Amino acid sequence: MDIEQARFNMVEQQIRPWDVLDQEVLDLLSKVRREDYVPQAHRALAFVDMEIPLGHGQAMWTPKLEARVVQELDIRPTDRALEIGTGSGYLTALLASRAAGVVSVDILPEFTTTATQKLRAHGFDNVVLHTGDAATDWADDAGFDVIVLTGSTPLLSDALLRRLKLGGRLFAITGEAPVMEAQLITCTAPGAYRSVTLFETCVAPLLNAPHPAAFVF
């Protein structure tokens, strides 16, 4: 397989048509090599428009979703980011390439260990990885400029919103299958938020994601 041709085709046939037009984001896809974060058994699928299995019912997002999210978050060199759901570590690497620092949390120790090895091997020294459950909150007094949930959640936790600094952006996919919405939420003032629905999609839920209280007759 001609890897560079496959990467070029991924950008031109999948990512650009999905309204990812920020040249810095497109350039980043050549700098951070997706194939290095794909499980070895599926490496030949690194540039295919599909979710790649990671085990434990989890999967890498499609390339176009990863790129679109990075574009929508408008990450700045001074930003501090929180990623909930490390997974393969690829999106972590994309975030870390643009932000000042990234805190990434995964509930599965296997994912944290593997991602740590890959990120260190590629020289990312501005990432702190944790094994833990951050589906409803991740205690951090400093707050974050960027928060991204890599799994869907039927209900977005208010506690996570409160972790946003003024001007901070949070990306989450909310709802339940088969209809989910990708939302970008911006903190416009202390305790005030603006939400924009970007598109519809469907991805695996975060483990232990909060659910609305069930109605009891």
C-alpha atoms as a PDB file:
ATOM      1  CA  MET A   1       0.000   0.000   0.000  1.00  0.00           C
ATOM      2  CA  ASP A   2       1.225   3.479  -0.883  1.00  0.00           C
ATOM      3  CA  ILE A   3       0.675   5.090   2.520  1.00  0.00           C
ATOM      4  CA  GLU A   4       1.092   8.684   1.396  1.00  0.00           C
ATOM      5  CA  GLN A   5      -1.324   8.206  -1.501  1.00  0.00           C
ATOM      6  CA  ALA A   6      -3.818   6.610   0.886  1.00  0.00           C
ATOM      7  CA  ARG A   7      -3.420   9.551   3.279  1.00  0.00           C
ATOM      8  CA  PHE A   8      -3.926  12.009   0.418  1.00  0.00           C
ATOM      9  CA  ASN A   9      -7.056  10.157  -0.712  1.00  0.00           C
ATOM     10  CA  MET A  10      -8.390  10.188   2.869  1.00  0.00           C
ATOM     11  CA  VAL A  11      -8.057  13.954   3.043  1.00  0.00           C
ATOM     12  CA  GLU A  12      -9.423  14.706  -0.415  1.00  0.00           C
ATOM     13  CA  GLN A  13     -12.231  12.129  -0.560  1.00  0.00           C
ATOM     14  CA  GLN A  14     -13.393  11.949   3.061  1.00  0.00           C
ATOM     15  CA  ILE A  15     -12.260  14.939   5.063  1.00  0.00           C
ATOM     16  CA  ARG A  16     -12.522  17.952   2.741  1.00  0.00           C
ATOM     17  CA  PRO A  17     -16.053  16.963   1.627  1.00  0.00           C
ATOM     18  CA  TRP A  18     -17.042  16.998   5.305  1.00  0.00           C
ATOM     19  CA  ASP A  19     -16.342  20.740   5.466  1.00  0.00           C
ATOM     20  CA  VAL A  20     -12.882  20.430   7.001  1.00  0.00           C
ATOM     21  CA  LEU A  21     -11.161  23.247   5.124  1.00  0.00           C
ATOM     22  CA  ASP A  22      -8.788  24.690   7.738  1.00  0.00           C
ATOM     23  CA  GLN A  23      -5.382  24.175   6.130  1.00  0.00           C
ATOM     24  CA  GLU A  24      -3.627  23.927   9.504  1.00  0.00           C
ATOM     25  CA  VAL A  25      -5.896  21.026  10.443  1.00  0.00           C
ATOM     26  CA  LEU A  26      -5.333  19.342   7.080  1.00  0.00           C
ATOM     27  CA  ASP A  27      -1.564  19.757   7.430  1.00  0.00           C
ATOM     28  CA  LEU A  28      -1.769  18.224  10.902  1.00  0.00           C
ATOM     29  CA  LEU A  29      -3.126  15.008   9.408  1.00  0.00           C
ATOM     30  CA  SER A  30       0.173  14.537   7.587  1.00  0.00           C
ATOM     31  CA  LYS A  31       2.250  15.446  10.626  1.00  0.00           C
ATOM     32  CA  VAL A  32       0.468  13.115  13.074  1.00  0.00           C
ATOM     33  CA  ARG A  33       0.482   9.747  11.365  1.00  0.00           C
ATOM     34  CA  ARG A  34      -2.808   7.989  11.971  1.00  0.00           C
ATOM     35  CA  GLU A  35      -1.465   4.578  11.076  1.00  0.00           C
ATOM     36  CA  ASP A  36       0.897   4.711  14.067  1.00  0.00           C
ATOM     37  CA  TYR A  37      -2.074   4.733  16.467  1.00  0.00           C
ATOM     38  CA  VAL A  38      -4.234   2.082  14.810  1.00  0.00           C
ATOM     39  CA  PRO A  39      -4.050  -1.423  16.355  1.00  0.00           C
ATOM     40  CA  GLN A  40      -1.579  -3.508  14.383  1.00  0.00           C
ATOM     41  CA  ALA A  41      -4.242  -6.002  13.307  1.00  0.00           C
ATOM     42  CA  HIS A  42      -6.188  -3.218  11.577  1.00  0.00           C
ATOM     43  CA  ARG A  43      -3.330  -1.052  10.294  1.00  0.00           C
ATOM     44  CA  ALA A  44      -4.357  -1.607   6.673  1.00  0.00           C
ATOM     45  CA  LEU A  45      -7.642   0.144   7.497  1.00  0.00           C
ATOM     46  CA  ALA A  46      -6.002   3.283   8.903  1.00  0.00           C
ATOM     47  CA  PHE A  47      -7.268   5.556   6.119  1.00  0.00           C
ATOM     48  CA  VAL A  48     -10.645   3.937   5.489  1.00  0.00           C
ATOM     49  CA  ASP A  49     -13.898   5.778   6.239  1.00  0.00           C
ATOM     50  CA  MET A  50     -14.892   3.506   9.104  1.00  0.00           C
ATOM     51  CA  GLU A  51     -14.629   3.113  12.860  1.00  0.00           C
ATOM     52  CA  ILE A  52     -11.710   0.852  13.754  1.00  0.00           C
ATOM     53  CA  PRO A  53     -12.268  -1.594  16.641  1.00  0.00           C
ATOM     54  CA  LEU A  54     -10.107  -1.073  19.730  1.00  0.00           C
ATOM     55  CA  GLY A  55     -11.621  -3.820  21.862  1.00  0.00           C
ATOM     56  CA  HIS A  56     -13.961  -3.636  24.860  1.00  0.00           C
ATOM     57  CA  GLY A  57     -16.748  -2.437  22.573  1.00  0.00           C
ATOM     58  CA  GLN A  58     -14.840   0.768  21.772  1.00  0.00           C
ATOM     59  CA  ALA A  59     -13.611   2.085  18.430  1.00  0.00           C
ATOM     60  CA  MET A  60     -11.580   4.868  16.845  1.00  0.00           C
ATOM     61  CA  TRP A  61     -13.700   7.556  15.275  1.00  0.00           C
ATOM     62  CA  THR A  62     -13.739   7.862  11.503  1.00  0.00           C
ATOM     63  CA  PRO A  63     -10.979  10.115  10.106  1.00  0.00           C
ATOM     64  CA  LYS A  64     -13.484  12.768   9.020  1.00  0.00           C
ATOM     65  CA  LEU A  65     -15.014  12.987  12.491  1.00  0.00           C
ATOM     66  CA  GLU A  66     -11.614  13.355  14.147  1.00  0.00           C
ATOM     67  CA  ALA A  67     -10.602  16.134  11.769  1.00  0.00           C
ATOM     68  CA  ARG A  68     -13.941  17.945  11.994  1.00  0.00           C
ATOM     69  CA  VAL A  69     -13.823  17.974  15.792  1.00  0.00           C
ATOM     70  CA  VAL A  70     -10.299  19.408  15.854  1.00  0.00           C
ATOM     71  CA  GLN A  71     -11.407  22.122  13.435  1.00  0.00           C
ATOM     72  CA  GLU A  72     -14.578  22.987  15.371  1.00  0.00           C
ATOM     73  CA  LEU A  73     -12.748  23.253  18.700  1.00  0.00           C
ATOM     74  CA  ASP A  74     -10.496  25.970  17.255  1.00  0.00           C
ATOM     75  CA  ILE A  75      -7.638  24.975  19.557  1.00  0.00           C
ATOM     76  CA  ARG A  76      -5.107  27.688  20.399  1.00  0.00           C
ATOM     77  CA  PRO A  77      -1.454  27.315  21.449  1.00  0.00           C
ATOM     78  CA  THR A  78      -2.274  28.543  24.974  1.00  0.00           C
ATOM     79  CA  ASP A  79      -5.243  26.195  25.501  1.00  0.00           C
ATOM     80  CA  ARG A  80      -5.441  23.508  28.151  1.00  0.00           C
ATOM     81  CA  ALA A  81      -7.529  20.557  26.976  1.00  0.00           C
ATOM     82  CA  LEU A  82      -9.350  17.668  28.631  1.00  0.00           C
ATOM     83  CA  GLU A  83     -10.089  14.527  26.631  1.00  0.00           C
ATOM     84  CA  ILE A  84     -12.558  12.063  28.121  1.00  0.00           C
ATOM     85  CA  GLY A  85     -11.855   8.706  26.530  1.00  0.00           C
ATOM     86  CA  THR A  86      -8.236   8.329  25.387  1.00  0.00           C
ATOM     87  CA  GLY A  87      -8.899   5.315  23.189  1.00  0.00           C
ATOM     88  CA  SER A  88      -6.075   4.800  20.696  1.00  0.00           C
ATOM     89  CA  GLY A  89      -4.333   8.065  21.619  1.00  0.00           C
ATOM     90  CA  TYR A  90      -4.620   9.458  18.081  1.00  0.00           C
ATOM     91  CA  LEU A  91      -7.063  12.238  18.873  1.00  0.00           C
ATOM     92  CA  THR A  92      -4.960  12.910  21.976  1.00  0.00           C
ATOM     93  CA  ALA A  93      -1.982  13.483  19.701  1.00  0.00           C
ATOM     94  CA  LEU A  94      -3.958  15.821  17.442  1.00  0.00           C
ATOM     95  CA  LEU A  95      -5.080  17.857  20.461  1.00  0.00           C
ATOM     96  CA  ALA A  96      -1.572  17.925  21.911  1.00  0.00           C
ATOM     97  CA  SER A  97      -0.150  19.156  18.605  1.00  0.00           C
ATOM     98  CA  ARG A  98      -2.245  22.321  18.891  1.00  0.00           C
ATOM     99  CA  ALA A  99      -2.773  22.899  22.629  1.00  0.00           C
ATOM    100  CA  ALA A 100      -0.355  23.873  25.368  1.00  0.00           C
ATOM    101  CA  GLY A 101      -1.280  20.767  27.324  1.00  0.00           C
ATOM    102  CA  VAL A 102      -3.739  17.883  27.362  1.00  0.00           C
ATOM    103  CA  VAL A 103      -5.177  15.855  30.226  1.00  0.00           C
ATOM    104  CA  SER A 104      -6.604  12.603  28.861  1.00  0.00           C
ATOM    105  CA  VAL A 105      -8.606  10.119  30.916  1.00  0.00           C
ATOM    106  CA  ASP A 106      -9.765   6.611  30.055  1.00  0.00           C
ATOM    107  CA  ILE A 107     -11.643   4.150  32.218  1.00  0.00           C
ATOM    108  CA  LEU A 108      -9.781   1.216  30.643  1.00  0.00           C
ATOM    109  CA  PRO A 109      -6.189   0.735  31.921  1.00  0.00           C
ATOM    110  CA  GLU A 110      -5.209  -1.074  28.704  1.00  0.00           C
ATOM    111  CA  PHE A 111      -5.981   2.024  26.635  1.00  0.00           C
ATOM    112  CA  THR A 112      -4.085   4.326  28.983  1.00  0.00           C
ATOM    113  CA  THR A 113      -1.015   2.085  28.906  1.00  0.00           C
ATOM    114  CA  THR A 114      -0.972   1.665  25.120  1.00  0.00           C
ATOM    115  CA  ALA A 115      -1.608   5.346  24.429  1.00  0.00           C
ATOM    116  CA  THR A 116       1.108   6.385  26.876  1.00  0.00           C
ATOM    117  CA  GLN A 117       3.645   4.244  25.035  1.00  0.00           C
ATOM    118  CA  LYS A 118       2.660   5.609  21.621  1.00  0.00           C
ATOM    119  CA  LEU A 119       2.541   9.260  22.670  1.00  0.00           C
ATOM    120  CA  ARG A 120       5.931   9.054  24.389  1.00  0.00           C
ATOM    121  CA  ALA A 121       7.419   7.312  21.358  1.00  0.00           C
ATOM    122  CA  HIS A 122       6.289  10.248  19.214  1.00  0.00           C
ATOM    123  CA  GLY A 123       7.672  12.884  21.536  1.00  0.00           C
ATOM    124  CA  PHE A 124       4.486  14.254  23.093  1.00  0.00           C
ATOM    125  CA  ASP A 125       5.578  15.593  26.459  1.00  0.00           C
ATOM    126  CA  ASN A 126       2.607  17.902  27.027  1.00  0.00           C
ATOM    127  CA  VAL A 127       0.093  15.112  27.732  1.00  0.00           C
ATOM    128  CA  VAL A 128      -0.863  13.724  31.143  1.00  0.00           C
ATOM    129  CA  LEU A 129      -2.772  10.443  30.984  1.00  0.00           C
ATOM    130  CA  HIS A 130      -4.939   9.000  33.734  1.00  0.00           C
ATOM    131  CA  THR A 131      -6.964   5.840  34.214  1.00  0.00           C
ATOM    132  CA  GLY A 132     -10.281   6.827  35.717  1.00  0.00           C
ATOM    133  CA  ASP A 133     -13.972   7.469  35.193  1.00  0.00           C
ATOM    134  CA  ALA A 134     -14.562  10.987  33.871  1.00  0.00           C
ATOM    135  CA  ALA A 135     -17.949  10.454  32.215  1.00  0.00           C
ATOM    136  CA  THR A 136     -19.642  12.816  34.669  1.00  0.00           C
ATOM    137  CA  ASP A 137     -16.747  14.950  35.929  1.00  0.00           C
ATOM    138  CA  TRP A 138     -12.983  15.250  36.243  1.00  0.00           C
ATOM    139  CA  ALA A 139     -11.939  17.290  39.240  1.00  0.00           C
ATOM    140  CA  ASP A 140      -9.494  20.024  38.247  1.00  0.00           C
ATOM    141  CA  ASP A 141      -9.443  23.436  39.890  1.00  0.00           C
ATOM    142  CA  ALA A 142      -7.535  25.048  37.013  1.00  0.00           C
ATOM    143  CA  GLY A 143     -10.307  24.414  34.492  1.00  0.00           C
ATOM    144  CA  PHE A 144     -10.018  23.813  30.765  1.00  0.00           C
ATOM    145  CA  ASP A 145     -10.231  25.811  27.546  1.00  0.00           C
ATOM    146  CA  VAL A 146     -11.215  22.709  25.578  1.00  0.00           C
ATOM    147  CA  ILE A 147     -13.109  19.580  26.610  1.00  0.00           C
ATOM    148  CA  VAL A 148     -13.912  16.736  24.228  1.00  0.00           C
ATOM    149  CA  LEU A 149     -15.904  13.582  24.968  1.00  0.00           C
ATOM    150  CA  THR A 150     -14.914  10.788  22.608  1.00  0.00           C
ATOM    151  CA  GLY A 151     -17.958   8.672  23.442  1.00  0.00           C
ATOM    152  CA  SER A 152     -21.594   9.676  23.298  1.00  0.00           C
ATOM    153  CA  THR A 153     -23.638  10.547  26.355  1.00  0.00           C
ATOM    154  CA  PRO A 154     -27.433  10.563  26.685  1.00  0.00           C
ATOM    155  CA  LEU A 155     -27.137  13.414  29.180  1.00  0.00           C
ATOM    156  CA  LEU A 156     -24.310  15.962  29.364  1.00  0.00           C
ATOM    157  CA  SER A 157     -23.092  16.478  32.900  1.00  0.00           C
ATOM    158  CA  ASP A 158     -23.383  20.023  34.259  1.00  0.00           C
ATOM    159  CA  ALA A 159     -20.206  19.377  36.229  1.00  0.00           C
ATOM    160  CA  LEU A 160     -18.207  19.134  32.999  1.00  0.00           C
ATOM    161  CA  LEU A 161     -19.636  22.413  31.770  1.00  0.00           C
ATOM    162  CA  ARG A 162     -18.471  24.053  34.981  1.00  0.00           C
ATOM    163  CA  ARG A 163     -14.909  22.929  34.191  1.00  0.00           C
ATOM    164  CA  LEU A 164     -14.882  25.229  31.150  1.00  0.00           C
ATOM    165  CA  LYS A 165     -12.998  28.494  31.436  1.00  0.00           C
ATOM    166  CA  LEU A 166     -14.573  31.651  30.045  1.00  0.00           C
ATOM    167  CA  GLY A 167     -14.503  31.281  26.263  1.00  0.00           C
ATOM    168  CA  GLY A 168     -13.878  27.550  26.603  1.00  0.00           C
ATOM    169  CA  ARG A 169     -15.374  25.054  24.135  1.00  0.00           C
ATOM    170  CA  LEU A 170     -16.790  21.594  24.806  1.00  0.00           C
ATOM    171  CA  PHE A 171     -17.538  19.012  22.121  1.00  0.00           C
ATOM    172  CA  ALA A 172     -19.978  16.236  22.937  1.00  0.00           C
ATOM    173  CA  ILE A 173     -22.182  13.813  21.050  1.00  0.00           C
ATOM    174  CA  THR A 174     -25.461  13.647  22.924  1.00  0.00           C
ATOM    175  CA  GLY A 175     -28.515  11.437  22.696  1.00  0.00           C
ATOM    176  CA  GLU A 176     -29.094   7.746  22.171  1.00  0.00           C
ATOM    177  CA  ALA A 177     -28.931   5.512  19.094  1.00  0.00           C
ATOM    178  CA  PRO A 178     -29.981   5.808  16.367  1.00  0.00           C
ATOM    179  CA  VAL A 179     -30.196   9.613  16.591  1.00  0.00           C
ATOM    180  CA  MET A 180     -27.400  11.575  18.232  1.00  0.00           C
ATOM    181  CA  GLU A 181     -26.295  15.175  17.810  1.00  0.00           C
ATOM    182  CA  ALA A 182     -22.774  16.584  17.822  1.00  0.00           C
ATOM    183  CA  GLN A 183     -22.772  19.748  19.885  1.00  0.00           C
ATOM    184  CA  LEU A 184     -20.247  22.514  20.405  1.00  0.00           C
ATOM    185  CA  ILE A 185     -20.867  24.338  23.668  1.00  0.00           C
ATOM    186  CA  THR A 186     -19.079  27.602  24.490  1.00  0.00           C
ATOM    187  CA  CYS A 187     -18.856  29.256  27.902  1.00  0.00           C
ATOM    188  CA  THR A 188     -19.925  32.838  27.168  1.00  0.00           C
ATOM    189  CA  ALA A 189     -19.986  34.113  30.764  1.00  0.00           C
ATOM    190  CA  PRO A 190     -19.651  32.533  34.213  1.00  0.00           C
ATOM    191  CA  GLY A 191     -22.431  29.934  34.326  1.00  0.00           C
ATOM    192  CA  ALA A 192     -23.707  30.843  30.824  1.00  0.00           C
ATOM    193  CA  TYR A 193     -23.292  28.665  27.745  1.00  0.00           C
ATOM    194  CA  ARG A 194     -24.123  28.768  24.032  1.00  0.00           C
ATOM    195  CA  SER A 195     -24.805  25.473  22.275  1.00  0.00           C
ATOM    196  CA  VAL A 196     -24.623  24.861  18.522  1.00  0.00           C
ATOM    197  CA  THR A 197     -25.680  21.600  16.886  1.00  0.00           C
ATOM    198  CA  LEU A 198     -23.092  20.738  14.230  1.00  0.00           C
ATOM    199  CA  PHE A 199     -24.378  17.523  12.672  1.00  0.00           C
ATOM    200  CA  GLU A 200     -26.031  14.183  13.400  1.00  0.00           C
ATOM    201  CA  THR A 201     -23.959  11.061  13.963  1.00  0.00           C
ATOM    202  CA  CYS A 202     -23.881   7.921  16.075  1.00  0.00           C
ATOM    203  CA  VAL A 203     -20.938   6.629  18.124  1.00  0.00           C
ATOM    204  CA  ALA A 204     -20.468   4.209  21.005  1.00  0.00           C
ATOM    205  CA  PRO A 205     -21.404   5.602  24.433  1.00  0.00           C
ATOM    206  CA  LEU A 206     -18.958   6.472  27.158  1.00  0.00           C
ATOM    207  CA  LEU A 207     -18.845   3.781  29.798  1.00  0.00           C
ATOM    208  CA  ASN A 208     -20.899   4.974  32.789  1.00  0.00           C
ATOM    209  CA  ALA A 209     -22.316   7.915  30.835  1.00  0.00           C
ATOM    210  CA  PRO A 210     -25.126   9.630  32.779  1.00  0.00           C
ATOM    211  CA  HIS A 211     -28.726   8.961  31.796  1.00  0.00           C
ATOM    212  CA  PRO A 212     -31.845  11.029  32.422  1.00  0.00           C
ATOM    213  CA  ALA A 213     -33.830   9.898  35.426  1.00  0.00           C
ATOM    214  CA  ALA A 214     -36.327   7.243  34.420  1.00  0.00           C
ATOM    215  CA  PHE A 215     -39.993   8.095  34.755  1.00  0.00           C
ATOM    216  CA  VAL A 216     -41.686   5.844  37.286  1.00  0.00           C
ATOM    217  CA  PHE A 217     -45.446   5.306  37.171  1.00  0.00           C
END
